[in-house]
Amino acid sequence: MTDKPQVPARQADESPSESLEAAAVAAYLEAHPDFFVEHEELLPSLRIPHRRGDTVSLVERQMTILRDRNIEMRHRLSQLMDVARDNDRLFEKTRRLILALMDAASLEDVVMSVEDSLR
């Protein structure tokens, strides 16, 4: 690329420093064309609207839907992981109680094992 990056004109709500930052980002990206290859994790968070005003391309709409689904799936996976950790703790607690009950030689040992497991 030999052309200068096209930085949009400053918008009414954009300060001069924000405009300068946009120019610096554009210059950096032009100087480092492989930036997004090396930082692919940033691509899903980018929003690049269609140039035809209020219209939205099918690909853009699909991408938005997939991004939203991805966020929801990550949230659900996090919840499942929390439940799995809780289940694992409960399993270990139950396993210890069962082993203690199997080793109990008297009713007093059974009561102590149950009391210990409830603490």
PDB file of N, CA and C in Angstrom:
ATOM      1  N   MET A   1       0.837  -1.181   0.000  1.00  0.00           N
ATOM      2  CA  MET A   1       0.000   0.000   0.000  1.00  0.00           C
ATOM      3  C   MET A   1       0.880   1.241   0.000  1.00  0.00           C
ATOM      4  N   THR A   2       0.658   2.087  -0.975  1.00  0.00           N
ATOM      5  CA  THR A   2       1.423   3.319  -1.007  1.00  0.00           C
ATOM      6  C   THR A   2       0.568   4.511  -0.652  1.00  0.00           C
ATOM      7  N   ASP A   3      -0.724   4.365  -0.690  1.00  0.00           N
ATOM      8  CA  ASP A   3      -1.628   5.455  -0.336  1.00  0.00           C
ATOM      9  C   ASP A   3      -1.670   5.626   1.171  1.00  0.00           C
ATOM     10  N   LYS A   4      -1.922   6.861   1.581  1.00  0.00           N
ATOM     11  CA  LYS A   4      -2.090   7.142   3.006  1.00  0.00           C
ATOM     12  C   LYS A   4      -3.409   6.541   3.464  1.00  0.00           C
ATOM     13  N   PRO A   5      -3.488   6.085   4.729  1.00  0.00           N
ATOM     14  CA  PRO A   5      -4.753   5.537   5.215  1.00  0.00           C
ATOM     15  C   PRO A   5      -5.823   6.611   5.241  1.00  0.00           C
ATOM     16  N   GLN A   6      -7.015   6.236   4.895  1.00  0.00           N
ATOM     17  CA  GLN A   6      -8.137   7.155   4.886  1.00  0.00           C
ATOM     18  C   GLN A   6      -8.714   7.260   6.291  1.00  0.00           C
ATOM     19  N   VAL A   7      -8.452   8.370   6.944  1.00  0.00           N
ATOM     20  CA  VAL A   7      -8.992   8.617   8.273  1.00  0.00           C
ATOM     21  C   VAL A   7     -10.221   9.488   8.092  1.00  0.00           C
ATOM     22  N   PRO A   8     -11.375   9.059   8.607  1.00  0.00           N
ATOM     23  CA  PRO A   8     -12.584   9.853   8.429  1.00  0.00           C
ATOM     24  C   PRO A   8     -12.443  11.232   9.050  1.00  0.00           C
ATOM     25  N   ALA A   9     -13.158  12.191   8.461  1.00  0.00           N
ATOM     26  CA  ALA A   9     -13.147  13.542   9.013  1.00  0.00           C
ATOM     27  C   ALA A   9     -13.658  13.504  10.446  1.00  0.00           C
ATOM     28  N   ARG A  10     -13.166  14.455  11.237  1.00  0.00           N
ATOM     29  CA  ARG A  10     -13.541  14.492  12.643  1.00  0.00           C
ATOM     30  C   ARG A  10     -15.039  14.738  12.784  1.00  0.00           C
ATOM     31  N   GLN A  11     -15.676  13.916  13.619  1.00  0.00           N
ATOM     32  CA  GLN A  11     -17.101  14.062  13.871  1.00  0.00           C
ATOM     33  C   GLN A  11     -17.314  15.154  14.908  1.00  0.00           C
ATOM     34  N   ALA A  12     -18.550  15.652  14.997  1.00  0.00           N
ATOM     35  CA  ALA A  12     -18.864  16.756  15.904  1.00  0.00           C
ATOM     36  C   ALA A  12     -18.560  16.418  17.354  1.00  0.00           C
ATOM     37  N   ASP A  13     -18.777  15.170  17.770  1.00  0.00           N
ATOM     38  CA  ASP A  13     -18.565  14.796  19.165  1.00  0.00           C
ATOM     39  C   ASP A  13     -17.156  14.275  19.419  1.00  0.00           C
ATOM     40  N   GLU A  14     -16.273  14.385  18.443  1.00  0.00           N
ATOM     41  CA  GLU A  14     -14.918  13.862  18.574  1.00  0.00           C
ATOM     42  C   GLU A  14     -13.962  15.017  18.848  1.00  0.00           C
ATOM     43  N   SER A  15     -13.135  14.890  19.868  1.00  0.00           N
ATOM     44  CA  SER A  15     -12.183  15.938  20.207  1.00  0.00           C
ATOM     45  C   SER A  15     -10.976  15.857  19.281  1.00  0.00           C
ATOM     46  N   PRO A  16     -10.175  16.932  19.205  1.00  0.00           N
ATOM     47  CA  PRO A  16      -8.972  16.891  18.366  1.00  0.00           C
ATOM     48  C   PRO A  16      -8.012  15.770  18.770  1.00  0.00           C
ATOM     49  N   SER A  17      -7.918  15.476  20.066  1.00  0.00           N
ATOM     50  CA  SER A  17      -7.011  14.407  20.498  1.00  0.00           C
ATOM     51  C   SER A  17      -7.511  13.044  20.036  1.00  0.00           C
ATOM     52  N   GLU A  18      -8.839  12.842  20.017  1.00  0.00           N
ATOM     53  CA  GLU A  18      -9.386  11.580  19.512  1.00  0.00           C
ATOM     54  C   GLU A  18      -9.115  11.436  18.027  1.00  0.00           C
ATOM     55  N   SER A  19      -9.204  12.553  17.289  1.00  0.00           N
ATOM     56  CA  SER A  19      -8.914  12.530  15.861  1.00  0.00           C
ATOM     57  C   SER A  19      -7.449  12.188  15.631  1.00  0.00           C
ATOM     58  N   LEU A  20      -6.569  12.754  16.449  1.00  0.00           N
ATOM     59  CA  LEU A  20      -5.140  12.463  16.362  1.00  0.00           C
ATOM     60  C   LEU A  20      -4.885  10.996  16.686  1.00  0.00           C
ATOM     61  N   GLU A  21      -5.570  10.467  17.698  1.00  0.00           N
ATOM     62  CA  GLU A  21      -5.418   9.056  18.048  1.00  0.00           C
ATOM     63  C   GLU A  21      -5.868   8.164  16.899  1.00  0.00           C
ATOM     64  N   ALA A  22      -6.947   8.520  16.228  1.00  0.00           N
ATOM     65  CA  ALA A  22      -7.420   7.737  15.084  1.00  0.00           C
ATOM     66  C   ALA A  22      -6.381   7.744  13.974  1.00  0.00           C
ATOM     67  N   ALA A  23      -5.764   8.890  13.731  1.00  0.00           N
ATOM     68  CA  ALA A  23      -4.725   8.978  12.706  1.00  0.00           C
ATOM     69  C   ALA A  23      -3.517   8.132  13.089  1.00  0.00           C
ATOM     70  N   ALA A  24      -3.165   8.141  14.371  1.00  0.00           N
ATOM     71  CA  ALA A  24      -2.024   7.342  14.836  1.00  0.00           C
ATOM     72  C   ALA A  24      -2.320   5.852  14.698  1.00  0.00           C
ATOM     73  N   VAL A  25      -3.544   5.455  15.021  1.00  0.00           N
ATOM     74  CA  VAL A  25      -3.931   4.044  14.880  1.00  0.00           C
ATOM     75  C   VAL A  25      -3.878   3.645  13.412  1.00  0.00           C
ATOM     76  N   ALA A  26      -4.419   4.491  12.541  1.00  0.00           N
ATOM     77  CA  ALA A  26      -4.407   4.191  11.104  1.00  0.00           C
ATOM     78  C   ALA A  26      -2.977   4.069  10.590  1.00  0.00           C
ATOM     79  N   ALA A  27      -2.103   4.974  11.013  1.00  0.00           N
ATOM     80  CA  ALA A  27      -0.700   4.916  10.586  1.00  0.00           C
ATOM     81  C   ALA A  27      -0.033   3.647  11.104  1.00  0.00           C
ATOM     82  N   TYR A  28      -0.320   3.285  12.343  1.00  0.00           N
ATOM     83  CA  TYR A  28       0.265   2.072  12.916  1.00  0.00           C
ATOM     84  C   TYR A  28      -0.182   0.838  12.143  1.00  0.00           C
ATOM     85  N   LEU A  29      -1.473   0.756  11.851  1.00  0.00           N
ATOM     86  CA  LEU A  29      -1.993  -0.404  11.125  1.00  0.00           C
ATOM     87  C   LEU A  29      -1.433  -0.475   9.708  1.00  0.00           C
ATOM     88  N   GLU A  30      -1.220   0.682   9.094  1.00  0.00           N
ATOM     89  CA  GLU A  30      -0.616   0.688   7.763  1.00  0.00           C
ATOM     90  C   GLU A  30       0.830   0.200   7.834  1.00  0.00           C
ATOM     91  N   ALA A  31       1.540   0.582   8.887  1.00  0.00           N
ATOM     92  CA  ALA A  31       2.939   0.166   9.048  1.00  0.00           C
ATOM     93  C   ALA A  31       3.058  -1.294   9.467  1.00  0.00           C
ATOM     94  N   HIS A  32       1.997  -1.852  10.040  1.00  0.00           N
ATOM     95  CA  HIS A  32       2.001  -3.238  10.520  1.00  0.00           C
ATOM     96  C   HIS A  32       0.811  -3.986   9.914  1.00  0.00           C
ATOM     97  N   PRO A  33       0.886  -4.315   8.619  1.00  0.00           N
ATOM     98  CA  PRO A  33      -0.269  -4.928   7.952  1.00  0.00           C
ATOM     99  C   PRO A  33      -0.650  -6.303   8.495  1.00  0.00           C
ATOM    100  N   ASP A  34       0.244  -6.965   9.211  1.00  0.00           N
ATOM    101  CA  ASP A  34      -0.060  -8.286   9.775  1.00  0.00           C
ATOM    102  C   ASP A  34      -0.587  -8.208  11.204  1.00  0.00           C
ATOM    103  N   PHE A  35      -0.901  -7.006  11.661  1.00  0.00           N
ATOM    104  CA  PHE A  35      -1.323  -6.835  13.052  1.00  0.00           C
ATOM    105  C   PHE A  35      -2.477  -7.764  13.421  1.00  0.00           C
ATOM    106  N   PHE A  36      -3.522  -7.810  12.596  1.00  0.00           N
ATOM    107  CA  PHE A  36      -4.690  -8.627  12.940  1.00  0.00           C
ATOM    108  C   PHE A  36      -4.460 -10.109  12.698  1.00  0.00           C
ATOM    109  N   VAL A  37      -3.436 -10.450  11.932  1.00  0.00           N
ATOM    110  CA  VAL A  37      -3.062 -11.856  11.787  1.00  0.00           C
ATOM    111  C   VAL A  37      -2.451 -12.338  13.100  1.00  0.00           C
ATOM    112  N   GLU A  38      -1.657 -11.466  13.713  1.00  0.00           N
ATOM    113  CA  GLU A  38      -0.989 -11.805  14.975  1.00  0.00           C
ATOM    114  C   GLU A  38      -1.901 -11.631  16.185  1.00  0.00           C
ATOM    115  N   HIS A  39      -2.990 -10.903  16.028  1.00  0.00           N
ATOM    116  CA  HIS A  39      -3.915 -10.620  17.143  1.00  0.00           C
ATOM    117  C   HIS A  39      -5.347 -10.930  16.714  1.00  0.00           C
ATOM    118  N   GLU A  40      -5.568 -12.157  16.263  1.00  0.00           N
ATOM    119  CA  GLU A  40      -6.892 -12.556  15.771  1.00  0.00           C
ATOM    120  C   GLU A  40      -7.981 -12.442  16.830  1.00  0.00           C
ATOM    121  N   GLU A  41      -7.612 -12.517  18.107  1.00  0.00           N
ATOM    122  CA  GLU A  41      -8.612 -12.449  19.171  1.00  0.00           C
ATOM    123  C   GLU A  41      -9.343 -11.106  19.196  1.00  0.00           C
ATOM    124  N   LEU A  42      -8.780 -10.086  18.548  1.00  0.00           N
ATOM    125  CA  LEU A  42      -9.429  -8.774  18.508  1.00  0.00           C
ATOM    126  C   LEU A  42     -10.497  -8.675  17.418  1.00  0.00           C
ATOM    127  N   LEU A  43     -10.405  -9.518  16.408  1.00  0.00           N
ATOM    128  CA  LEU A  43     -11.316  -9.413  15.265  1.00  0.00           C
ATOM    129  C   LEU A  43     -12.794  -9.519  15.633  1.00  0.00           C
ATOM    130  N   PRO A  44     -13.206 -10.457  16.487  1.00  0.00           N
ATOM    131  CA  PRO A  44     -14.645 -10.551  16.785  1.00  0.00           C
ATOM    132  C   PRO A  44     -15.225  -9.305  17.453  1.00  0.00           C
ATOM    133  N   SER A  45     -14.390  -8.514  18.114  1.00  0.00           N
ATOM    134  CA  SER A  45     -14.913  -7.337  18.809  1.00  0.00           C
ATOM    135  C   SER A  45     -14.980  -6.102  17.909  1.00  0.00           C
ATOM    136  N   LEU A  46     -14.426  -6.193  16.701  1.00  0.00           N
ATOM    137  CA  LEU A  46     -14.475  -5.055  15.788  1.00  0.00           C
ATOM    138  C   LEU A  46     -15.870  -4.909  15.199  1.00  0.00           C
ATOM    139  N   ARG A  47     -16.261  -3.675  14.978  1.00  0.00           N
ATOM    140  CA  ARG A  47     -17.540  -3.400  14.322  1.00  0.00           C
ATOM    141  C   ARG A  47     -17.230  -2.531  13.117  1.00  0.00           C
ATOM    142  N   ILE A  48     -17.447  -3.083  11.937  1.00  0.00           N
ATOM    143  CA  ILE A  48     -17.178  -2.360  10.702  1.00  0.00           C
ATOM    144  C   ILE A  48     -18.495  -2.281   9.939  1.00  0.00           C
ATOM    145  N   PRO A  49     -19.209  -1.150  10.069  1.00  0.00           N
ATOM    146  CA  PRO A  49     -20.522  -1.043   9.434  1.00  0.00           C
ATOM    147  C   PRO A  49     -20.413  -0.981   7.909  1.00  0.00           C
ATOM    148  N   HIS A  50     -21.491  -1.347   7.272  1.00  0.00           N
ATOM    149  CA  HIS A  50     -21.581  -1.319   5.820  1.00  0.00           C
ATOM    150  C   HIS A  50     -21.586   0.128   5.353  1.00  0.00           C
ATOM    151  N   ARG A  51     -20.979   0.411   4.228  1.00  0.00           N
ATOM    152  CA  ARG A  51     -20.870   1.792   3.739  1.00  0.00           C
ATOM    153  C   ARG A  51     -22.171   2.332   3.142  1.00  0.00           C
ATOM    154  N   ARG A  52     -23.190   1.548   3.029  1.00  0.00           N
ATOM    155  CA  ARG A  52     -24.424   1.987   2.376  1.00  0.00           C
ATOM    156  C   ARG A  52     -25.437   2.550   3.373  1.00  0.00           C
ATOM    157  N   GLY A  53     -24.991   3.294   4.314  1.00  0.00           N
ATOM    158  CA  GLY A  53     -25.897   3.951   5.250  1.00  0.00           C
ATOM    159  C   GLY A  53     -26.510   3.005   6.249  1.00  0.00           C
ATOM    160  N   ASP A  54     -27.845   2.981   6.282  1.00  0.00           N
ATOM    161  CA  ASP A  54     -28.564   2.187   7.276  1.00  0.00           C
ATOM    162  C   ASP A  54     -28.714   0.724   6.895  1.00  0.00           C
ATOM    163  N   THR A  55     -28.342   0.353   5.681  1.00  0.00           N
ATOM    164  CA  THR A  55     -28.483  -1.046   5.283  1.00  0.00           C
ATOM    165  C   THR A  55     -27.421  -1.887   5.958  1.00  0.00           C
ATOM    166  N   VAL A  56     -27.760  -3.120   6.200  1.00  0.00           N
ATOM    167  CA  VAL A  56     -26.833  -4.053   6.832  1.00  0.00           C
ATOM    168  C   VAL A  56     -26.694  -5.246   5.904  1.00  0.00           C
ATOM    169  N   SER A  57     -25.457  -5.589   5.595  1.00  0.00           N
ATOM    170  CA  SER A  57     -25.258  -6.734   4.714  1.00  0.00           C
ATOM    171  C   SER A  57     -25.627  -8.016   5.448  1.00  0.00           C
ATOM    172  N   LEU A  58     -25.952  -9.032   4.674  1.00  0.00           N
ATOM    173  CA  LEU A  58     -26.300 -10.325   5.250  1.00  0.00           C
ATOM    174  C   LEU A  58     -25.135 -10.878   6.057  1.00  0.00           C
ATOM    175  N   VAL A  59     -23.934 -10.730   5.530  1.00  0.00           N
ATOM    176  CA  VAL A  59     -22.749 -11.232   6.237  1.00  0.00           C
ATOM    177  C   VAL A  59     -22.573 -10.501   7.563  1.00  0.00           C
ATOM    178  N   GLU A  60     -22.779  -9.187   7.544  1.00  0.00           N
ATOM    179  CA  GLU A  60     -22.653  -8.408   8.780  1.00  0.00           C
ATOM    180  C   GLU A  60     -23.700  -8.841   9.801  1.00  0.00           C
ATOM    181  N   ARG A  61     -24.920  -9.067   9.340  1.00  0.00           N
ATOM    182  CA  ARG A  61     -25.995  -9.503  10.241  1.00  0.00           C
ATOM    183  C   ARG A  61     -25.697 -10.884  10.802  1.00  0.00           C
ATOM    184  N   GLN A  62     -25.224 -11.794   9.941  1.00  0.00           N
ATOM    185  CA  GLN A  62     -24.856 -13.131  10.405  1.00  0.00           C
ATOM    186  C   GLN A  62     -23.738 -13.046  11.435  1.00  0.00           C
ATOM    187  N   MET A  63     -22.774 -12.181  11.177  1.00  0.00           N
ATOM    188  CA  MET A  63     -21.653 -12.032  12.103  1.00  0.00           C
ATOM    189  C   MET A  63     -22.141 -11.530  13.462  1.00  0.00           C
ATOM    190  N   THR A  64     -23.067 -10.594  13.450  1.00  0.00           N
ATOM    191  CA  THR A  64     -23.620 -10.079  14.705  1.00  0.00           C
ATOM    192  C   THR A  64     -24.340 -11.183  15.469  1.00  0.00           C
ATOM    193  N   ILE A  65     -25.130 -11.967  14.751  1.00  0.00           N
ATOM    194  CA  ILE A  65     -25.854 -13.070  15.393  1.00  0.00           C
ATOM    195  C   ILE A  65     -24.875 -14.084  15.968  1.00  0.00           C
ATOM    196  N   LEU A  66     -23.858 -14.440  15.182  1.00  0.00           N
ATOM    197  CA  LEU A  66     -22.873 -15.418  15.663  1.00  0.00           C
ATOM    198  C   LEU A  66     -22.084 -14.879  16.851  1.00  0.00           C
ATOM    199  N   ARG A  67     -21.760 -13.596  16.829  1.00  0.00           N
ATOM    200  CA  ARG A  67     -21.036 -12.990  17.947  1.00  0.00           C
ATOM    201  C   ARG A  67     -21.888 -13.044  19.217  1.00  0.00           C
ATOM    202  N   ASP A  68     -23.181 -12.716  19.077  1.00  0.00           N
ATOM    203  CA  ASP A  68     -24.083 -12.769  20.232  1.00  0.00           C
ATOM    204  C   ASP A  68     -24.223 -14.198  20.759  1.00  0.00           C
ATOM    205  N   ARG A  69     -24.336 -15.150  19.838  1.00  0.00           N
ATOM    206  CA  ARG A  69     -24.428 -16.557  20.259  1.00  0.00           C
ATOM    207  C   ARG A  69     -23.152 -17.002  20.959  1.00  0.00           C
ATOM    208  N   ASN A  70     -22.024 -16.553  20.445  1.00  0.00           N
ATOM    209  CA  ASN A  70     -20.744 -16.899  21.053  1.00  0.00           C
ATOM    210  C   ASN A  70     -20.681 -16.381  22.488  1.00  0.00           C
ATOM    211  N   ILE A  71     -21.101 -15.148  22.691  1.00  0.00           N
ATOM    212  CA  ILE A  71     -21.105 -14.568  24.040  1.00  0.00           C
ATOM    213  C   ILE A  71     -22.019 -15.378  24.956  1.00  0.00           C
ATOM    214  N   GLU A  72     -23.218 -15.722  24.458  1.00  0.00           N
ATOM    215  CA  GLU A  72     -24.164 -16.510  25.248  1.00  0.00           C
ATOM    216  C   GLU A  72     -23.592 -17.890  25.575  1.00  0.00           C
ATOM    217  N   MET A  73     -22.962 -18.529  24.598  1.00  0.00           N
ATOM    218  CA  MET A  73     -22.381 -19.865  24.825  1.00  0.00           C
ATOM    219  C   MET A  73     -21.240 -19.801  25.844  1.00  0.00           C
ATOM    220  N   ARG A  74     -20.443 -18.758  25.773  1.00  0.00           N
ATOM    221  CA  ARG A  74     -19.366 -18.602  26.762  1.00  0.00           C
ATOM    222  C   ARG A  74     -19.947 -18.440  28.166  1.00  0.00           C
ATOM    223  N   HIS A  75     -21.032 -17.681  28.253  1.00  0.00           N
ATOM    224  CA  HIS A  75     -21.692 -17.488  29.549  1.00  0.00           C
ATOM    225  C   HIS A  75     -22.248 -18.816  30.062  1.00  0.00           C
ATOM    226  N   ARG A  76     -22.905 -19.563  29.173  1.00  0.00           N
ATOM    227  CA  ARG A  76     -23.467 -20.855  29.577  1.00  0.00           C
ATOM    228  C   ARG A  76     -22.368 -21.841  29.959  1.00  0.00           C
ATOM    229  N   LEU A  77     -21.267 -21.831  29.222  1.00  0.00           N
ATOM    230  CA  LEU A  77     -20.146 -22.712  29.545  1.00  0.00           C
ATOM    231  C   LEU A  77     -19.576 -22.365  30.918  1.00  0.00           C
ATOM    232  N   SER A  78     -19.474 -21.081  31.208  1.00  0.00           N
ATOM    233  CA  SER A  78     -18.988 -20.651  32.520  1.00  0.00           C
ATOM    234  C   SER A  78     -19.920 -21.144  33.627  1.00  0.00           C
ATOM    235  N   GLN A  79     -21.226 -21.043  33.397  1.00  0.00           N
ATOM    236  CA  GLN A  79     -22.191 -21.539  34.381  1.00  0.00           C
ATOM    237  C   GLN A  79     -22.058 -23.047  34.566  1.00  0.00           C
ATOM    238  N   LEU A  80     -21.901 -23.778  33.467  1.00  0.00           N
ATOM    239  CA  LEU A  80     -21.736 -25.235  33.552  1.00  0.00           C
ATOM    240  C   LEU A  80     -20.470 -25.602  34.321  1.00  0.00           C
ATOM    241  N   MET A  81     -19.412 -24.845  34.098  1.00  0.00           N
ATOM    242  CA  MET A  81     -18.165 -25.110  34.819  1.00  0.00           C
ATOM    243  C   MET A  81     -18.354 -24.870  36.319  1.00  0.00           C
ATOM    244  N   ASP A  82     -19.088 -23.831  36.677  1.00  0.00           N
ATOM    245  CA  ASP A  82     -19.375 -23.569  38.093  1.00  0.00           C
ATOM    246  C   ASP A  82     -20.169 -24.722  38.706  1.00  0.00           C
ATOM    247  N   VAL A  83     -21.182 -25.195  37.989  1.00  0.00           N
ATOM    248  CA  VAL A  83     -21.991 -26.317  38.478  1.00  0.00           C
ATOM    249  C   VAL A  83     -21.134 -27.570  38.596  1.00  0.00           C
ATOM    250  N   ALA A  84     -20.255 -27.799  37.625  1.00  0.00           N
ATOM    251  CA  ALA A  84     -19.380 -28.979  37.665  1.00  0.00           C
ATOM    252  C   ALA A  84     -18.453 -28.925  38.880  1.00  0.00           C
ATOM    253  N   ARG A  85     -17.919 -27.746  39.184  1.00  0.00           N
ATOM    254  CA  ARG A  85     -17.059 -27.609  40.376  1.00  0.00           C
ATOM    255  C   ARG A  85     -17.858 -27.887  41.652  1.00  0.00           C
ATOM    256  N   ASP A  86     -19.076 -27.347  41.723  1.00  0.00           N
ATOM    257  CA  ASP A  86     -19.933 -27.608  42.886  1.00  0.00           C
ATOM    258  C   ASP A  86     -20.239 -29.098  43.013  1.00  0.00           C
ATOM    259  N   ASN A  87     -20.547 -29.738  41.891  1.00  0.00           N
ATOM    260  CA  ASN A  87     -20.831 -31.177  41.910  1.00  0.00           C
ATOM    261  C   ASN A  87     -19.614 -31.981  42.354  1.00  0.00           C
ATOM    262  N   ASP A  88     -18.442 -31.574  41.916  1.00  0.00           N
ATOM    263  CA  ASP A  88     -17.218 -32.280  42.302  1.00  0.00           C
ATOM    264  C   ASP A  88     -16.983 -32.168  43.813  1.00  0.00           C
ATOM    265  N   ARG A  89     -17.197 -30.959  44.366  1.00  0.00           N
ATOM    266  CA  ARG A  89     -17.048 -30.782  45.819  1.00  0.00           C
ATOM    267  C   ARG A  89     -18.059 -31.644  46.576  1.00  0.00           C
ATOM    268  N   LEU A  90     -19.294 -31.659  46.103  1.00  0.00           N
ATOM    269  CA  LEU A  90     -20.332 -32.464  46.743  1.00  0.00           C
ATOM    270  C   LEU A  90     -20.000 -33.954  46.653  1.00  0.00           C
ATOM    271  N   PHE A  91     -19.502 -34.385  45.503  1.00  0.00           N
ATOM    272  CA  PHE A  91     -19.112 -35.783  45.332  1.00  0.00           C
ATOM    273  C   PHE A  91     -18.018 -36.161  46.327  1.00  0.00           C
ATOM    274  N   GLU A  92     -16.997 -35.324  46.453  1.00  0.00           N
ATOM    275  CA  GLU A  92     -15.897 -35.626  47.378  1.00  0.00           C
ATOM    276  C   GLU A  92     -16.378 -35.677  48.822  1.00  0.00           C
ATOM    277  N   LYS A  93     -17.243 -34.749  49.181  1.00  0.00           N
ATOM    278  CA  LYS A  93     -17.783 -34.730  50.545  1.00  0.00           C
ATOM    279  C   LYS A  93     -18.592 -36.006  50.811  1.00  0.00           C
ATOM    280  N   THR A  94     -19.411 -36.399  49.845  1.00  0.00           N
ATOM    281  CA  THR A  94     -20.221 -37.614  49.981  1.00  0.00           C
ATOM    282  C   THR A  94     -19.340 -38.856  50.042  1.00  0.00           C
ATOM    283  N   ARG A  95     -18.317 -38.889  49.203  1.00  0.00           N
ATOM    284  CA  ARG A  95     -17.401 -40.037  49.181  1.00  0.00           C
ATOM    285  C   ARG A  95     -16.701 -40.206  50.536  1.00  0.00           C
ATOM    286  N   ARG A  96     -16.241 -39.073  51.095  1.00  0.00           N
ATOM    287  CA  ARG A  96     -15.587 -39.145  52.412  1.00  0.00           C
ATOM    288  C   ARG A  96     -16.554 -39.650  53.481  1.00  0.00           C
ATOM    289  N   LEU A  97     -17.808 -39.184  53.431  1.00  0.00           N
ATOM    290  CA  LEU A  97     -18.804 -39.632  54.405  1.00  0.00           C
ATOM    291  C   LEU A  97     -19.060 -41.133  54.259  1.00  0.00           C
ATOM    292  N   ILE A  98     -19.220 -41.597  53.038  1.00  0.00           N
ATOM    293  CA  ILE A  98     -19.485 -43.028  52.823  1.00  0.00           C
ATOM    294  C   ILE A  98     -18.324 -43.877  53.328  1.00  0.00           C
ATOM    295  N   LEU A  99     -17.098 -43.451  53.037  1.00  0.00           N
ATOM    296  CA  LEU A  99     -15.933 -44.208  53.517  1.00  0.00           C
ATOM    297  C   LEU A  99     -15.869 -44.216  55.042  1.00  0.00           C
ATOM    298  N   ALA A 100     -16.188 -43.059  55.647  1.00  0.00           N
ATOM    299  CA  ALA A 100     -16.181 -42.988  57.111  1.00  0.00           C
ATOM    300  C   ALA A 100     -17.272 -43.882  57.696  1.00  0.00           C
ATOM    301  N   LEU A 101     -18.445 -43.911  57.055  1.00  0.00           N
ATOM    302  CA  LEU A 101     -19.532 -44.767  57.545  1.00  0.00           C
ATOM    303  C   LEU A 101     -19.183 -46.243  57.397  1.00  0.00           C
ATOM    304  N   MET A 102     -18.478 -46.578  56.325  1.00  0.00           N
ATOM    305  CA  MET A 102     -18.072 -47.977  56.136  1.00  0.00           C
ATOM    306  C   MET A 102     -17.047 -48.409  57.187  1.00  0.00           C
ATOM    307  N   ASP A 103     -16.237 -47.452  57.645  1.00  0.00           N
ATOM    308  CA  ASP A 103     -15.226 -47.760  58.662  1.00  0.00           C
ATOM    309  C   ASP A 103     -15.782 -47.693  60.082  1.00  0.00           C
ATOM    310  N   ALA A 104     -17.002 -47.176  60.237  1.00  0.00           N
ATOM    311  CA  ALA A 104     -17.573 -47.011  61.578  1.00  0.00           C
ATOM    312  C   ALA A 104     -17.787 -48.379  62.228  1.00  0.00           C
ATOM    313  N   ALA A 105     -17.304 -48.471  63.472  1.00  0.00           N
ATOM    314  CA  ALA A 105     -17.426 -49.732  64.207  1.00  0.00           C
ATOM    315  C   ALA A 105     -18.602 -49.708  65.175  1.00  0.00           C
ATOM    316  N   SER A 106     -19.131 -48.505  65.429  1.00  0.00           N
ATOM    317  CA  SER A 106     -20.235 -48.414  66.390  1.00  0.00           C
ATOM    318  C   SER A 106     -21.180 -47.300  65.956  1.00  0.00           C
ATOM    319  N   LEU A 107     -22.307 -47.243  66.644  1.00  0.00           N
ATOM    320  CA  LEU A 107     -23.278 -46.188  66.375  1.00  0.00           C
ATOM    321  C   LEU A 107     -22.670 -44.825  66.680  1.00  0.00           C
ATOM    322  N   GLU A 108     -21.838 -44.767  67.695  1.00  0.00           N
ATOM    323  CA  GLU A 108     -21.174 -43.514  68.057  1.00  0.00           C
ATOM    324  C   GLU A 108     -20.264 -43.044  66.921  1.00  0.00           C
ATOM    325  N   ASP A 109     -19.548 -43.979  66.283  1.00  0.00           N
ATOM    326  CA  ASP A 109     -18.694 -43.634  65.141  1.00  0.00           C
ATOM    327  C   ASP A 109     -19.531 -43.102  63.968  1.00  0.00           C
ATOM    328  N   VAL A 110     -20.706 -43.703  63.767  1.00  0.00           N
ATOM    329  CA  VAL A 110     -21.598 -43.259  62.691  1.00  0.00           C
ATOM    330  C   VAL A 110     -22.041 -41.824  62.947  1.00  0.00           C
ATOM    331  N   VAL A 111     -22.470 -41.544  64.179  1.00  0.00           N
ATOM    332  CA  VAL A 111     -22.934 -40.200  64.533  1.00  0.00           C
ATOM    333  C   VAL A 111     -21.805 -39.191  64.360  1.00  0.00           C
ATOM    334  N   MET A 112     -20.601 -39.530  64.805  1.00  0.00           N
ATOM    335  CA  MET A 112     -19.454 -38.622  64.668  1.00  0.00           C
ATOM    336  C   MET A 112     -19.133 -38.367  63.193  1.00  0.00           C
ATOM    337  N   SER A 113     -19.200 -39.406  62.377  1.00  0.00           N
ATOM    338  CA  SER A 113     -18.914 -39.253  60.945  1.00  0.00           C
ATOM    339  C   SER A 113     -19.921 -38.322  60.278  1.00  0.00           C
ATOM    340  N   VAL A 114     -21.190 -38.497  60.619  1.00  0.00           N
ATOM    341  CA  VAL A 114     -22.230 -37.644  60.041  1.00  0.00           C
ATOM    342  C   VAL A 114     -22.046 -36.206  60.507  1.00  0.00           C
ATOM    343  N   GLU A 115     -21.769 -36.018  61.800  1.00  0.00           N
ATOM    344  CA  GLU A 115     -21.558 -34.668  62.320  1.00  0.00           C
ATOM    345  C   GLU A 115     -20.358 -34.012  61.646  1.00  0.00           C
ATOM    346  N   ASP A 116     -19.275 -34.770  61.469  1.00  0.00           N
ATOM    347  CA  ASP A 116     -18.081 -34.228  60.810  1.00  0.00           C
ATOM    348  C   ASP A 116     -18.383 -33.818  59.365  1.00  0.00           C
ATOM    349  N   SER A 117     -19.181 -34.616  58.697  1.00  0.00           N
ATOM    350  CA  SER A 117     -19.472 -34.312  57.290  1.00  0.00           C
ATOM    351  C   SER A 117     -20.369 -33.089  57.139  1.00  0.00           C
ATOM    352  N   LEU A 118     -21.136 -32.773  58.172  1.00  0.00           N
ATOM    353  CA  LEU A 118     -22.030 -31.620  58.117  1.00  0.00           C
ATOM    354  C   LEU A 118     -21.325 -30.310  58.449  1.00  0.00           C
ATOM    355  N   ARG A 119     -20.121 -30.381  58.917  1.00  0.00           N
ATOM    356  CA  ARG A 119     -19.372 -29.158  59.253  1.00  0.00           C
ATOM    357  C   ARG A 119     -18.741 -28.559  58.051  1.00  0.00           C
TER     358      ARG A 119
END
